[in-house]
C-alpha cells in the first residue's frame, strides 16, 4: 500500500479535453467493423480504454483520464456499439470475439504491449483479456468491478436493487406483464429480439433508463436522458442483454476469479464506489480477496459512474501511479 503522502503527490484532476490525432475503422470479421481512435502522444506509452455496457460505446470524455503528454490513448467501440458497424448487431458478438478484436487492433496499431483501463463491463473485459494475454498487459486500472456472475445479474435485474431504487425500478418492472416476471432478463430478451422494431425500442428505453437512473450516487439528468436516445438504447440494451443471457460466454460462473493467478504479476488498481448499485462492492471485494496484490481504492461518497468526482480522481491517480512506474522502469 502507498502512504498518504505518496498518493497526494499524484495528480487527481481530469486532463483537459483533447481531440484524436488519428481515427479509423478496422474490419475484424466478415460481419463486424470496429471504430478506433488515438489521442495524446503518438510516441507515448500505449493504453487501451475498454468501455462499459457491453454496448455502451466510447465518448470524448474518456480521453481525459490520461496524461496526453505521456500516454498514447487508444479508444475503440466494441462490436455493435458506438460508431462500429453493424449497429446493435449480436451475430458473432461474444466476449471471446472482443478479446480477439483487442489483439487485432493492437497488431494493427503496431503496439507491442499496453496498459489496460476498464470500468463496469470494461473491467470484465479487461480481466478476461488480461487473463488470456497476460504478456501483452503492462498494468491495469479497473473500476466498478463486474464479474458477470449470476448473483450480480440477479441483484440488478431481478429485483434486489429495487430495495434502494423502488421508484426507478417500477417502470422497468411494469414494462413486463406479471406472468413473465419470473426472469426479467429473459422477458426483455424476448422483446429486444421482436420482429417489431417499435417493441425493441420500447424495451430498450426501459432497460437503459433503469441503469442510467441508478448509475450515480446523486441523480444525473444528462445521463438519464441517454435512455431516450433510441439509437444508443437499442445497442446498449440488446448487447447487454445478449451477454447476460449467455452468462458472458464464460465456461463457469467464477471463471474470472478462478484465473487470477495468470495476472498476479500485473500492477493493478481497483477503484470502487462504496454505494455502487449497478455493480455492488461485493464483486470488488471478492476480486480483492482473490487478488490481494492489486491496490483497492474504495471511494466513500460515490456510486457507479466513472464521472463521479471521487471516482474520477482515483482513476486519474491510478494512471499517474502507473505512469510513474513506467517512467522509473530500468
C-alpha atoms as a PDB file:
ATOM      1  CA  UNK A   1       0.000   0.000   0.000  1.00  0.00           C
ATOM      2  CA  UNK A   2       1.150   3.533  -0.703  1.00  0.00           C
ATOM      3  CA  UNK A   3       1.458   6.118   2.020  1.00  0.00           C
ATOM      4  CA  UNK A   4      -0.968   9.053   2.084  1.00  0.00           C
ATOM      5  CA  UNK A   5       1.878  11.389   1.158  1.00  0.00           C
ATOM      6  CA  UNK A   6       2.669   9.399  -1.998  1.00  0.00           C
ATOM      7  CA  UNK A   7      -0.981   9.358  -3.017  1.00  0.00           C
ATOM      8  CA  UNK A   8      -1.290  13.126  -2.660  1.00  0.00           C
ATOM      9  CA  UNK A   9       1.690  13.622  -4.941  1.00  0.00           C
ATOM     10  CA  UNK A  10      -0.219  12.064  -7.832  1.00  0.00           C
ATOM     11  CA  UNK A  11      -2.359  14.366  -9.965  1.00  0.00           C
ATOM     12  CA  UNK A  12      -6.041  13.681  -9.294  1.00  0.00           C
ATOM     13  CA  UNK A  13      -7.628  16.130 -11.736  1.00  0.00           C
ATOM     14  CA  UNK A  14      -9.050  15.161 -15.111  1.00  0.00           C
ATOM     15  CA  UNK A  15      -6.907  16.344 -18.002  1.00  0.00           C
ATOM     16  CA  UNK A  16      -8.264  18.944 -20.466  1.00  0.00           C
ATOM     17  CA  UNK A  17     -10.418  17.750 -23.364  1.00  0.00           C
ATOM     18  CA  UNK A  18      -8.423  16.759 -26.449  1.00  0.00           C
ATOM     19  CA  UNK A  19      -9.177  15.649 -29.995  1.00  0.00           C
ATOM     20  CA  UNK A  20      -7.850  12.453 -31.597  1.00  0.00           C
ATOM     21  CA  UNK A  21      -4.826  12.686 -33.883  1.00  0.00           C
ATOM     22  CA  UNK A  22      -5.952   9.552 -35.748  1.00  0.00           C
ATOM     23  CA  UNK A  23      -9.175   7.624 -36.321  1.00  0.00           C
ATOM     24  CA  UNK A  24     -10.132   4.649 -38.412  1.00  0.00           C
ATOM     25  CA  UNK A  25     -12.251   1.549 -38.928  1.00  0.00           C
ATOM     26  CA  UNK A  26     -10.886  -1.984 -38.684  1.00  0.00           C
ATOM     27  CA  UNK A  27     -12.711  -4.903 -40.289  1.00  0.00           C
ATOM     28  CA  UNK A  28     -12.469  -7.636 -37.660  1.00  0.00           C
ATOM     29  CA  UNK A  29     -14.772 -10.254 -39.235  1.00  0.00           C
ATOM     30  CA  UNK A  30     -16.998 -10.805 -42.250  1.00  0.00           C
ATOM     31  CA  UNK A  31     -19.778  -9.160 -40.215  1.00  0.00           C
ATOM     32  CA  UNK A  32     -18.156  -6.532 -37.971  1.00  0.00           C
ATOM     33  CA  UNK A  33     -16.087  -3.386 -38.425  1.00  0.00           C
ATOM     34  CA  UNK A  34     -14.918  -1.508 -35.327  1.00  0.00           C
ATOM     35  CA  UNK A  35     -14.245   2.214 -34.904  1.00  0.00           C
ATOM     36  CA  UNK A  36     -10.947   3.169 -33.231  1.00  0.00           C
ATOM     37  CA  UNK A  37      -9.136   6.399 -32.397  1.00  0.00           C
ATOM     38  CA  UNK A  38      -5.828   7.558 -30.964  1.00  0.00           C
ATOM     39  CA  UNK A  39      -5.146  10.724 -28.983  1.00  0.00           C
ATOM     40  CA  UNK A  40      -2.403  12.133 -26.780  1.00  0.00           C
ATOM     41  CA  UNK A  41       1.234  11.449 -27.630  1.00  0.00           C
ATOM     42  CA  UNK A  42       1.793   9.385 -30.837  1.00  0.00           C
ATOM     43  CA  UNK A  43       5.129   8.220 -29.401  1.00  0.00           C
ATOM     44  CA  UNK A  44       3.750   7.817 -25.889  1.00  0.00           C
ATOM     45  CA  UNK A  45       3.064   4.900 -23.572  1.00  0.00           C
ATOM     46  CA  UNK A  46       0.138   2.916 -25.009  1.00  0.00           C
ATOM     47  CA  UNK A  47      -3.089   2.481 -23.051  1.00  0.00           C
ATOM     48  CA  UNK A  48      -6.333   0.953 -24.302  1.00  0.00           C
ATOM     49  CA  UNK A  49      -9.694   2.090 -22.898  1.00  0.00           C
ATOM     50  CA  UNK A  50     -12.375  -0.630 -22.672  1.00  0.00           C
ATOM     51  CA  UNK A  51     -15.887   0.831 -22.452  1.00  0.00           C
ATOM     52  CA  UNK A  52     -18.802  -0.481 -20.460  1.00  0.00           C
ATOM     53  CA  UNK A  53     -22.171  -1.997 -21.211  1.00  0.00           C
ATOM     54  CA  UNK A  54     -21.427  -4.087 -23.176  1.00  0.00           C
ATOM     55  CA  UNK A  55     -22.871  -1.849 -25.858  1.00  0.00           C
ATOM     56  CA  UNK A  56     -22.101   1.498 -24.215  1.00  0.00           C
ATOM     57  CA  UNK A  57     -19.553   2.777 -26.736  1.00  0.00           C
ATOM     58  CA  UNK A  58     -16.857   5.370 -26.070  1.00  0.00           C
ATOM     59  CA  UNK A  59     -17.172   9.130 -25.612  1.00  0.00           C
ATOM     60  CA  UNK A  60     -14.694  12.033 -25.921  1.00  0.00           C
ATOM     61  CA  UNK A  61     -14.567  12.459 -22.128  1.00  0.00           C
ATOM     62  CA  UNK A  62     -12.948   9.012 -21.822  1.00  0.00           C
ATOM     63  CA  UNK A  63      -9.650  10.526 -23.040  1.00  0.00           C
ATOM     64  CA  UNK A  64      -9.417  12.826 -20.006  1.00  0.00           C
ATOM     65  CA  UNK A  65      -8.313  10.165 -17.506  1.00  0.00           C
ATOM     66  CA  UNK A  66      -4.851  10.052 -19.106  1.00  0.00           C
ATOM     67  CA  UNK A  67      -1.920  12.469 -19.285  1.00  0.00           C
ATOM     68  CA  UNK A  68      -1.877  13.300 -23.031  1.00  0.00           C
ATOM     69  CA  UNK A  69       1.813  14.202 -22.957  1.00  0.00           C
ATOM     70  CA  UNK A  70       2.748  10.755 -21.638  1.00  0.00           C
ATOM     71  CA  UNK A  71       0.080   8.388 -22.972  1.00  0.00           C
ATOM     72  CA  UNK A  72      -0.802   7.177 -26.461  1.00  0.00           C
ATOM     73  CA  UNK A  73      -4.530   6.819 -25.740  1.00  0.00           C
ATOM     74  CA  UNK A  74      -6.432   4.190 -27.745  1.00  0.00           C
ATOM     75  CA  UNK A  75     -10.234   4.106 -27.631  1.00  0.00           C
ATOM     76  CA  UNK A  76     -12.451   1.791 -29.668  1.00  0.00           C
ATOM     77  CA  UNK A  77     -16.131   0.915 -29.893  1.00  0.00           C
ATOM     78  CA  UNK A  78     -16.790  -2.784 -29.315  1.00  0.00           C
ATOM     79  CA  UNK A  79     -18.831  -4.840 -31.780  1.00  0.00           C
ATOM     80  CA  UNK A  80     -22.261  -3.331 -32.425  1.00  0.00           C
ATOM     81  CA  UNK A  81     -21.622  -0.283 -30.199  1.00  0.00           C
ATOM     82  CA  UNK A  82     -20.988   3.417 -30.853  1.00  0.00           C
ATOM     83  CA  UNK A  83     -19.675   4.034 -34.366  1.00  0.00           C
ATOM     84  CA  UNK A  84     -18.881   0.367 -35.016  1.00  0.00           C
ATOM     85  CA  UNK A  85     -20.999  -1.417 -37.611  1.00  0.00           C
ATOM     86  CA  UNK A  86     -23.439  -3.064 -37.976  1.00  0.00           C
ATOM     87  CA  UNK A  87     -25.170  -1.180 -35.162  1.00  0.00           C
ATOM     88  CA  UNK A  88     -26.597  -3.270 -32.286  1.00  0.00           C
ATOM     89  CA  UNK A  89     -25.658  -6.489 -34.136  1.00  0.00           C
ATOM     90  CA  UNK A  90     -25.495  -9.627 -31.954  1.00  0.00           C
ATOM     91  CA  UNK A  91     -24.150 -12.022 -34.567  1.00  0.00           C
ATOM     92  CA  UNK A  92     -20.548 -13.092 -33.833  1.00  0.00           C
ATOM     93  CA  UNK A  93     -20.664 -10.920 -30.712  1.00  0.00           C
ATOM     94  CA  UNK A  94     -19.135 -12.715 -27.702  1.00  0.00           C
ATOM     95  CA  UNK A  95     -16.507 -11.934 -25.079  1.00  0.00           C
ATOM     96  CA  UNK A  96     -14.023 -14.083 -26.982  1.00  0.00           C
ATOM     97  CA  UNK A  97     -14.697 -12.190 -30.218  1.00  0.00           C
ATOM     98  CA  UNK A  98     -13.987  -8.916 -28.390  1.00  0.00           C
ATOM     99  CA  UNK A  99     -10.746 -10.290 -26.938  1.00  0.00           C
ATOM    100  CA  UNK A 100      -9.681 -11.248 -30.476  1.00  0.00           C
ATOM    101  CA  UNK A 101     -10.607  -7.731 -31.641  1.00  0.00           C
ATOM    102  CA  UNK A 102      -8.401  -6.140 -28.974  1.00  0.00           C
ATOM    103  CA  UNK A 103      -5.497  -8.222 -30.237  1.00  0.00           C
ATOM    104  CA  UNK A 104      -6.266  -7.383 -33.874  1.00  0.00           C
ATOM    105  CA  UNK A 105      -6.349  -3.680 -33.014  1.00  0.00           C
ATOM    106  CA  UNK A 106      -3.097  -3.905 -31.033  1.00  0.00           C
ATOM    107  CA  UNK A 107      -1.394  -5.560 -34.015  1.00  0.00           C
ATOM    108  CA  UNK A 108      -2.968  -3.113 -36.485  1.00  0.00           C
ATOM    109  CA  UNK A 109      -1.572  -0.177 -34.485  1.00  0.00           C
ATOM    110  CA  UNK A 110       1.800  -1.956 -34.150  1.00  0.00           C
ATOM    111  CA  UNK A 111       1.739  -1.833 -30.365  1.00  0.00           C
ATOM    112  CA  UNK A 112       3.815  -4.462 -28.587  1.00  0.00           C
ATOM    113  CA  UNK A 113       2.123  -4.223 -25.176  1.00  0.00           C
ATOM    114  CA  UNK A 114      -0.176  -1.789 -23.435  1.00  0.00           C
ATOM    115  CA  UNK A 115      -1.830  -0.668 -20.236  1.00  0.00           C
ATOM    116  CA  UNK A 116      -5.493  -1.699 -19.923  1.00  0.00           C
ATOM    117  CA  UNK A 117      -8.194   0.545 -18.432  1.00  0.00           C
ATOM    118  CA  UNK A 118     -11.807  -0.568 -17.997  1.00  0.00           C
ATOM    119  CA  UNK A 119     -14.851   0.074 -15.828  1.00  0.00           C
ATOM    120  CA  UNK A 120     -18.060  -1.860 -15.235  1.00  0.00           C
ATOM    121  CA  UNK A 121     -18.321  -4.293 -18.198  1.00  0.00           C
ATOM    122  CA  UNK A 122     -14.971  -2.778 -19.227  1.00  0.00           C
ATOM    123  CA  UNK A 123     -13.488  -4.296 -16.036  1.00  0.00           C
ATOM    124  CA  UNK A 124     -14.960  -7.689 -17.008  1.00  0.00           C
ATOM    125  CA  UNK A 125     -13.409  -7.460 -20.460  1.00  0.00           C
ATOM    126  CA  UNK A 126     -10.102  -6.128 -19.057  1.00  0.00           C
ATOM    127  CA  UNK A 127      -9.823  -9.130 -16.737  1.00  0.00           C
ATOM    128  CA  UNK A 128     -10.812 -11.601 -19.461  1.00  0.00           C
ATOM    129  CA  UNK A 129      -8.352 -10.050 -21.949  1.00  0.00           C
ATOM    130  CA  UNK A 130      -5.513  -9.873 -19.419  1.00  0.00           C
ATOM    131  CA  UNK A 131      -6.063 -13.470 -18.311  1.00  0.00           C
ATOM    132  CA  UNK A 132      -5.974 -14.524 -21.993  1.00  0.00           C
ATOM    133  CA  UNK A 133      -2.952 -12.362 -22.952  1.00  0.00           C
ATOM    134  CA  UNK A 134      -1.078 -11.500 -19.737  1.00  0.00           C
ATOM    135  CA  UNK A 135       2.169 -10.952 -21.645  1.00  0.00           C
ATOM    136  CA  UNK A 136       0.588  -8.032 -23.556  1.00  0.00           C
ATOM    137  CA  UNK A 137      -0.550  -6.096 -20.448  1.00  0.00           C
ATOM    138  CA  UNK A 138       1.757  -3.630 -18.657  1.00  0.00           C
ATOM    139  CA  UNK A 139      -0.709  -2.553 -15.971  1.00  0.00           C
ATOM    140  CA  UNK A 140      -4.442  -2.357 -15.229  1.00  0.00           C
ATOM    141  CA  UNK A 141      -6.865   0.184 -13.833  1.00  0.00           C
ATOM    142  CA  UNK A 142     -10.282  -1.346 -13.098  1.00  0.00           C
ATOM    143  CA  UNK A 143     -13.414   0.467 -11.902  1.00  0.00           C
ATOM    144  CA  UNK A 144     -16.854  -0.654 -10.712  1.00  0.00           C
ATOM    145  CA  UNK A 145     -15.977  -4.359 -10.772  1.00  0.00           C
ATOM    146  CA  UNK A 146     -18.366  -6.638 -12.645  1.00  0.00           C
ATOM    147  CA  UNK A 147     -17.519 -10.346 -12.780  1.00  0.00           C
ATOM    148  CA  UNK A 148     -20.727 -11.284 -14.619  1.00  0.00           C
ATOM    149  CA  UNK A 149     -21.776 -13.881 -12.055  1.00  0.00           C
ATOM    150  CA  UNK A 150     -25.394 -14.963 -11.665  1.00  0.00           C
ATOM    151  CA  UNK A 151     -25.728 -13.245  -8.280  1.00  0.00           C
ATOM    152  CA  UNK A 152     -24.633  -9.919  -9.809  1.00  0.00           C
ATOM    153  CA  UNK A 153     -27.176 -10.167 -12.666  1.00  0.00           C
ATOM    154  CA  UNK A 154     -29.900 -11.223 -10.225  1.00  0.00           C
ATOM    155  CA  UNK A 155     -29.069  -8.328  -7.881  1.00  0.00           C
ATOM    156  CA  UNK A 156     -29.553  -5.666 -10.532  1.00  0.00           C
ATOM    157  CA  UNK A 157     -32.083  -7.152 -12.957  1.00  0.00           C
ATOM    158  CA  UNK A 158     -34.274  -9.447 -10.858  1.00  0.00           C
ATOM    159  CA  UNK A 159     -35.415  -7.042  -8.142  1.00  0.00           C
ATOM    160  CA  UNK A 160     -32.885  -6.834  -5.300  1.00  0.00           C
ATOM    161  CA  UNK A 161     -31.577  -3.370  -6.248  1.00  0.00           C
ATOM    162  CA  UNK A 162     -35.212  -2.188  -6.222  1.00  0.00           C
ATOM    163  CA  UNK A 163     -34.879  -2.041  -2.422  1.00  0.00           C
ATOM    164  CA  UNK A 164     -32.729   1.070  -2.954  1.00  0.00           C
ATOM    165  CA  UNK A 165     -34.372   2.450  -6.123  1.00  0.00           C
ATOM    166  CA  UNK A 166     -38.056   1.382  -5.995  1.00  0.00           C
ATOM    167  CA  UNK A 167     -39.072   4.492  -7.972  1.00  0.00           C
ATOM    168  CA  UNK A 168     -36.657   3.734 -10.824  1.00  0.00           C
ATOM    169  CA  UNK A 169     -37.467   0.000 -10.709  1.00  0.00           C
ATOM    170  CA  UNK A 170     -41.231   0.283 -11.225  1.00  0.00           C
ATOM    171  CA  UNK A 171     -41.139   1.409 -14.888  1.00  0.00           C
ATOM    172  CA  UNK A 172     -38.594  -1.348 -15.651  1.00  0.00           C
ATOM    173  CA  UNK A 173     -40.789  -3.911 -13.866  1.00  0.00           C
ATOM    174  CA  UNK A 174     -44.091  -2.656 -15.257  1.00  0.00           C
ATOM    175  CA  UNK A 175     -42.872  -2.969 -18.855  1.00  0.00           C
ATOM    176  CA  UNK A 176     -43.164  -6.746 -18.358  1.00  0.00           C
ATOM    177  CA  UNK A 177     -46.543  -8.452 -17.734  1.00  0.00           C
ATOM    178  CA  UNK A 178     -46.880 -10.107 -14.313  1.00  0.00           C
ATOM    179  CA  UNK A 179     -46.946 -13.615 -15.770  1.00  0.00           C
ATOM    180  CA  UNK A 180     -43.454 -13.094 -17.283  1.00  0.00           C
ATOM    181  CA  UNK A 181     -41.704 -11.639 -14.245  1.00  0.00           C
ATOM    182  CA  UNK A 182     -40.047 -14.897 -13.187  1.00  0.00           C
ATOM    183  CA  UNK A 183     -36.994 -13.705 -15.153  1.00  0.00           C
ATOM    184  CA  UNK A 184     -36.798 -10.088 -16.306  1.00  0.00           C
ATOM    185  CA  UNK A 185     -33.629 -10.785 -18.289  1.00  0.00           C
ATOM    186  CA  UNK A 186     -35.481 -13.492 -20.277  1.00  0.00           C
ATOM    187  CA  UNK A 187     -38.609 -11.347 -20.705  1.00  0.00           C
ATOM    188  CA  UNK A 188     -36.583  -8.401 -22.001  1.00  0.00           C
ATOM    189  CA  UNK A 189     -34.596 -10.741 -24.262  1.00  0.00           C
ATOM    190  CA  UNK A 190     -37.851 -11.742 -25.976  1.00  0.00           C
ATOM    191  CA  UNK A 191     -38.818  -8.099 -26.605  1.00  0.00           C
ATOM    192  CA  UNK A 192     -35.333  -6.979 -27.665  1.00  0.00           C
ATOM    193  CA  UNK A 193     -35.488  -9.718 -30.336  1.00  0.00           C
ATOM    194  CA  UNK A 194     -39.008  -8.864 -31.524  1.00  0.00           C
ATOM    195  CA  UNK A 195     -39.701  -8.602 -35.263  1.00  0.00           C
ATOM    196  CA  UNK A 196     -41.373  -5.260 -34.462  1.00  0.00           C
ATOM    197  CA  UNK A 197     -38.731  -2.530 -34.155  1.00  0.00           C
ATOM    198  CA  UNK A 198     -41.045  -0.385 -32.008  1.00  0.00           C
ATOM    199  CA  UNK A 199     -41.293  -3.202 -29.449  1.00  0.00           C
ATOM    200  CA  UNK A 200     -37.487  -3.420 -29.464  1.00  0.00           C
ATOM    201  CA  UNK A 201     -37.159   0.351 -28.955  1.00  0.00           C
ATOM    202  CA  UNK A 202     -39.669   0.450 -26.085  1.00  0.00           C
ATOM    203  CA  UNK A 203     -37.916  -2.403 -24.268  1.00  0.00           C
ATOM    204  CA  UNK A 204     -34.520  -0.822 -24.920  1.00  0.00           C
ATOM    205  CA  UNK A 205     -35.636   2.518 -23.450  1.00  0.00           C
ATOM    206  CA  UNK A 206     -36.977   0.853 -20.275  1.00  0.00           C
ATOM    207  CA  UNK A 207     -33.857  -1.297 -19.855  1.00  0.00           C
ATOM    208  CA  UNK A 208     -31.461   1.604 -20.409  1.00  0.00           C
ATOM    209  CA  UNK A 209     -33.314   4.101 -18.199  1.00  0.00           C
ATOM    210  CA  UNK A 210     -33.205   1.678 -15.258  1.00  0.00           C
ATOM    211  CA  UNK A 211     -29.407   1.541 -15.447  1.00  0.00           C
ATOM    212  CA  UNK A 212     -28.968   5.261 -16.122  1.00  0.00           C
ATOM    213  CA  UNK A 213     -31.159   6.212 -13.132  1.00  0.00           C
ATOM    214  CA  UNK A 214     -29.065   4.104 -10.763  1.00  0.00           C
ATOM    215  CA  UNK A 215     -25.530   4.800 -12.038  1.00  0.00           C
ATOM    216  CA  UNK A 216     -24.749   7.884  -9.916  1.00  0.00           C
ATOM    217  CA  UNK A 217     -24.870   8.442  -6.179  1.00  0.00           C
ATOM    218  CA  UNK A 218     -26.645  11.736  -6.940  1.00  0.00           C
ATOM    219  CA  UNK A 219     -29.065  11.679  -9.908  1.00  0.00           C
ATOM    220  CA  UNK A 220     -27.507  12.836 -13.180  1.00  0.00           C
ATOM    221  CA  UNK A 221     -30.161  14.158 -15.569  1.00  0.00           C
ATOM    222  CA  UNK A 222     -27.843  14.201 -18.569  1.00  0.00           C
ATOM    223  CA  UNK A 223     -27.090  10.506 -18.052  1.00  0.00           C
ATOM    224  CA  UNK A 224     -30.766   9.617 -17.562  1.00  0.00           C
ATOM    225  CA  UNK A 225     -31.672  11.338 -20.866  1.00  0.00           C
ATOM    226  CA  UNK A 226     -29.495   8.820 -22.726  1.00  0.00           C
ATOM    227  CA  UNK A 227     -32.361   6.383 -22.167  1.00  0.00           C
ATOM    228  CA  UNK A 228     -34.493   8.474 -24.545  1.00  0.00           C
ATOM    229  CA  UNK A 229     -31.980   8.088 -27.380  1.00  0.00           C
ATOM    230  CA  UNK A 230     -33.272   5.118 -29.376  1.00  0.00           C
ATOM    231  CA  UNK A 231     -30.017   4.682 -31.286  1.00  0.00           C
ATOM    232  CA  UNK A 232     -27.953   4.461 -28.090  1.00  0.00           C
ATOM    233  CA  UNK A 233     -30.543   2.488 -26.099  1.00  0.00           C
ATOM    234  CA  UNK A 234     -31.019  -0.200 -28.731  1.00  0.00           C
ATOM    235  CA  UNK A 235     -27.316  -1.120 -28.848  1.00  0.00           C
ATOM    236  CA  UNK A 236     -26.911  -0.759 -25.086  1.00  0.00           C
ATOM    237  CA  UNK A 237     -29.908  -2.911 -24.149  1.00  0.00           C
ATOM    238  CA  UNK A 238     -29.633  -5.549 -26.899  1.00  0.00           C
ATOM    239  CA  UNK A 239     -25.920  -6.176 -26.417  1.00  0.00           C
ATOM    240  CA  UNK A 240     -26.044  -6.112 -22.600  1.00  0.00           C
ATOM    241  CA  UNK A 241     -28.985  -8.485 -22.503  1.00  0.00           C
ATOM    242  CA  UNK A 242     -27.351 -10.796 -25.088  1.00  0.00           C
ATOM    243  CA  UNK A 243     -24.227 -11.117 -22.940  1.00  0.00           C
ATOM    244  CA  UNK A 244     -26.187 -11.571 -19.699  1.00  0.00           C
ATOM    245  CA  UNK A 245     -28.475 -14.270 -21.122  1.00  0.00           C
ATOM    246  CA  UNK A 246     -25.315 -16.120 -22.173  1.00  0.00           C
ATOM    247  CA  UNK A 247     -23.516 -15.646 -18.811  1.00  0.00           C
ATOM    248  CA  UNK A 248     -20.820 -13.582 -20.530  1.00  0.00           C
ATOM    249  CA  UNK A 249     -19.899 -16.633 -22.627  1.00  0.00           C
ATOM    250  CA  UNK A 250     -17.709 -17.785 -19.732  1.00  0.00           C
ATOM    251  CA  UNK A 251     -17.369 -21.545 -19.090  1.00  0.00           C
ATOM    252  CA  UNK A 252     -18.141 -21.124 -15.367  1.00  0.00           C
ATOM    253  CA  UNK A 253     -19.697 -18.578 -13.019  1.00  0.00           C
ATOM    254  CA  UNK A 254     -16.417 -17.872 -11.228  1.00  0.00           C
ATOM    255  CA  UNK A 255     -14.195 -18.014 -14.333  1.00  0.00           C
ATOM    256  CA  UNK A 256     -12.539 -14.601 -13.889  1.00  0.00           C
ATOM    257  CA  UNK A 257     -11.745 -15.201 -10.210  1.00  0.00           C
ATOM    258  CA  UNK A 258     -10.524 -18.735 -10.924  1.00  0.00           C
ATOM    259  CA  UNK A 259      -7.920 -17.419 -13.381  1.00  0.00           C
ATOM    260  CA  UNK A 260      -6.475 -14.562 -11.316  1.00  0.00           C
ATOM    261  CA  UNK A 261      -3.181 -16.453 -10.903  1.00  0.00           C
ATOM    262  CA  UNK A 262      -2.374 -15.571 -14.521  1.00  0.00           C
ATOM    263  CA  UNK A 263      -2.350 -11.821 -13.776  1.00  0.00           C
ATOM    264  CA  UNK A 264      -0.948 -11.533 -10.226  1.00  0.00           C
ATOM    265  CA  UNK A 265       2.271 -10.019 -11.553  1.00  0.00           C
ATOM    266  CA  UNK A 266       0.447  -7.144 -13.314  1.00  0.00           C
ATOM    267  CA  UNK A 267       0.386  -3.811 -11.429  1.00  0.00           C
ATOM    268  CA  UNK A 268      -3.331  -3.234 -10.866  1.00  0.00           C
ATOM    269  CA  UNK A 269      -5.556  -0.683  -9.134  1.00  0.00           C
ATOM    270  CA  UNK A 270      -9.230  -1.380  -8.377  1.00  0.00           C
ATOM    271  CA  UNK A 271     -11.427   1.713  -7.902  1.00  0.00           C
ATOM    272  CA  UNK A 272     -14.858   1.070  -6.388  1.00  0.00           C
ATOM    273  CA  UNK A 273     -17.672   3.378  -5.305  1.00  0.00           C
ATOM    274  CA  UNK A 274     -18.938   2.347  -1.865  1.00  0.00           C
ATOM    275  CA  UNK A 275     -22.569   2.916  -2.912  1.00  0.00           C
ATOM    276  CA  UNK A 276     -22.387   1.421  -6.390  1.00  0.00           C
ATOM    277  CA  UNK A 277     -25.837  -0.080  -7.014  1.00  0.00           C
ATOM    278  CA  UNK A 278     -25.172  -1.345 -10.572  1.00  0.00           C
ATOM    279  CA  UNK A 279     -22.024  -3.300  -9.636  1.00  0.00           C
ATOM    280  CA  UNK A 280     -22.146  -3.540  -5.842  1.00  0.00           C
ATOM    281  CA  UNK A 281     -18.921  -3.629  -3.885  1.00  0.00           C
ATOM    282  CA  UNK A 282     -19.189  -7.359  -3.136  1.00  0.00           C
ATOM    283  CA  UNK A 283     -17.573  -8.053  -6.529  1.00  0.00           C
ATOM    284  CA  UNK A 284     -14.674  -5.651  -5.990  1.00  0.00           C
ATOM    285  CA  UNK A 285     -14.220  -7.206  -2.553  1.00  0.00           C
ATOM    286  CA  UNK A 286     -14.239 -10.751  -3.980  1.00  0.00           C
ATOM    287  CA  UNK A 287     -11.647  -9.698  -6.559  1.00  0.00           C
ATOM    288  CA  UNK A 288      -9.581  -8.015  -3.830  1.00  0.00           C
ATOM    289  CA  UNK A 289      -9.667 -11.204  -1.728  1.00  0.00           C
ATOM    290  CA  UNK A 290      -8.598 -13.327  -4.717  1.00  0.00           C
ATOM    291  CA  UNK A 291      -6.069 -10.732  -5.936  1.00  0.00           C
ATOM    292  CA  UNK A 292      -4.675  -9.010  -2.806  1.00  0.00           C
ATOM    293  CA  UNK A 293      -1.653  -7.784  -4.796  1.00  0.00           C
ATOM    294  CA  UNK A 294      -3.951  -5.259  -6.507  1.00  0.00           C
ATOM    295  CA  UNK A 295      -4.432  -1.878  -4.839  1.00  0.00           C
ATOM    296  CA  UNK A 296      -8.093  -1.436  -3.784  1.00  0.00           C
ATOM    297  CA  UNK A 297      -9.403   2.141  -3.572  1.00  0.00           C
ATOM    298  CA  UNK A 298     -12.897   2.452  -2.112  1.00  0.00           C
ATOM    299  CA  UNK A 299     -14.477   5.852  -2.776  1.00  0.00           C
ATOM    300  CA  UNK A 300     -16.716   6.578   0.239  1.00  0.00           C
ATOM    301  CA  UNK A 301     -19.045   9.092  -1.434  1.00  0.00           C
ATOM    302  CA  UNK A 302     -19.683   7.562  -4.874  1.00  0.00           C
ATOM    303  CA  UNK A 303     -21.890   5.191  -6.822  1.00  0.00           C
ATOM    304  CA  UNK A 304     -21.059   3.512 -10.123  1.00  0.00           C
ATOM    305  CA  UNK A 305     -20.141   6.142 -12.693  1.00  0.00           C
ATOM    306  CA  UNK A 306     -16.563   6.932 -13.696  1.00  0.00           C
ATOM    307  CA  UNK A 307     -17.666  10.569 -13.968  1.00  0.00           C
ATOM    308  CA  UNK A 308     -18.407  10.981 -10.266  1.00  0.00           C
ATOM    309  CA  UNK A 309     -15.765  13.313  -8.762  1.00  0.00           C
ATOM    310  CA  UNK A 310     -14.283  10.891  -6.231  1.00  0.00           C
ATOM    311  CA  UNK A 311     -14.055   8.024  -8.707  1.00  0.00           C
ATOM    312  CA  UNK A 312     -12.605  10.201 -11.479  1.00  0.00           C
ATOM    313  CA  UNK A 313      -9.929  11.458  -9.049  1.00  0.00           C
ATOM    314  CA  UNK A 314      -8.909   7.911  -8.091  1.00  0.00           C
ATOM    315  CA  UNK A 315      -8.831   6.797 -11.738  1.00  0.00           C
ATOM    316  CA  UNK A 316      -6.537   9.681 -12.703  1.00  0.00           C
ATOM    317  CA  UNK A 317      -4.318   8.977  -9.668  1.00  0.00           C
ATOM    318  CA  UNK A 318      -4.124   5.272 -10.589  1.00  0.00           C
ATOM    319  CA  UNK A 319      -2.969   6.168 -14.103  1.00  0.00           C
ATOM    320  CA  UNK A 320      -0.442   8.603 -12.626  1.00  0.00           C
ATOM    321  CA  UNK A 321       0.922   5.831 -10.413  1.00  0.00           C
ATOM    322  CA  UNK A 322       1.386   3.525 -13.422  1.00  0.00           C
ATOM    323  CA  UNK A 323       2.898   6.426 -15.398  1.00  0.00           C
ATOM    324  CA  UNK A 324       5.489   6.989 -12.671  1.00  0.00           C
ATOM    325  CA  UNK A 325       6.293   3.277 -12.505  1.00  0.00           C
ATOM    326  CA  UNK A 326       6.760   3.203 -16.294  1.00  0.00           C
ATOM    327  CA  UNK A 327       8.973   6.293 -16.201  1.00  0.00           C
ATOM    328  CA  UNK A 328      11.175   4.790 -13.486  1.00  0.00           C
ATOM    329  CA  UNK A 329      11.387   1.366 -15.113  1.00  0.00           C
ATOM    330  CA  UNK A 330      15.049   0.433 -15.714  1.00  0.00           C
END
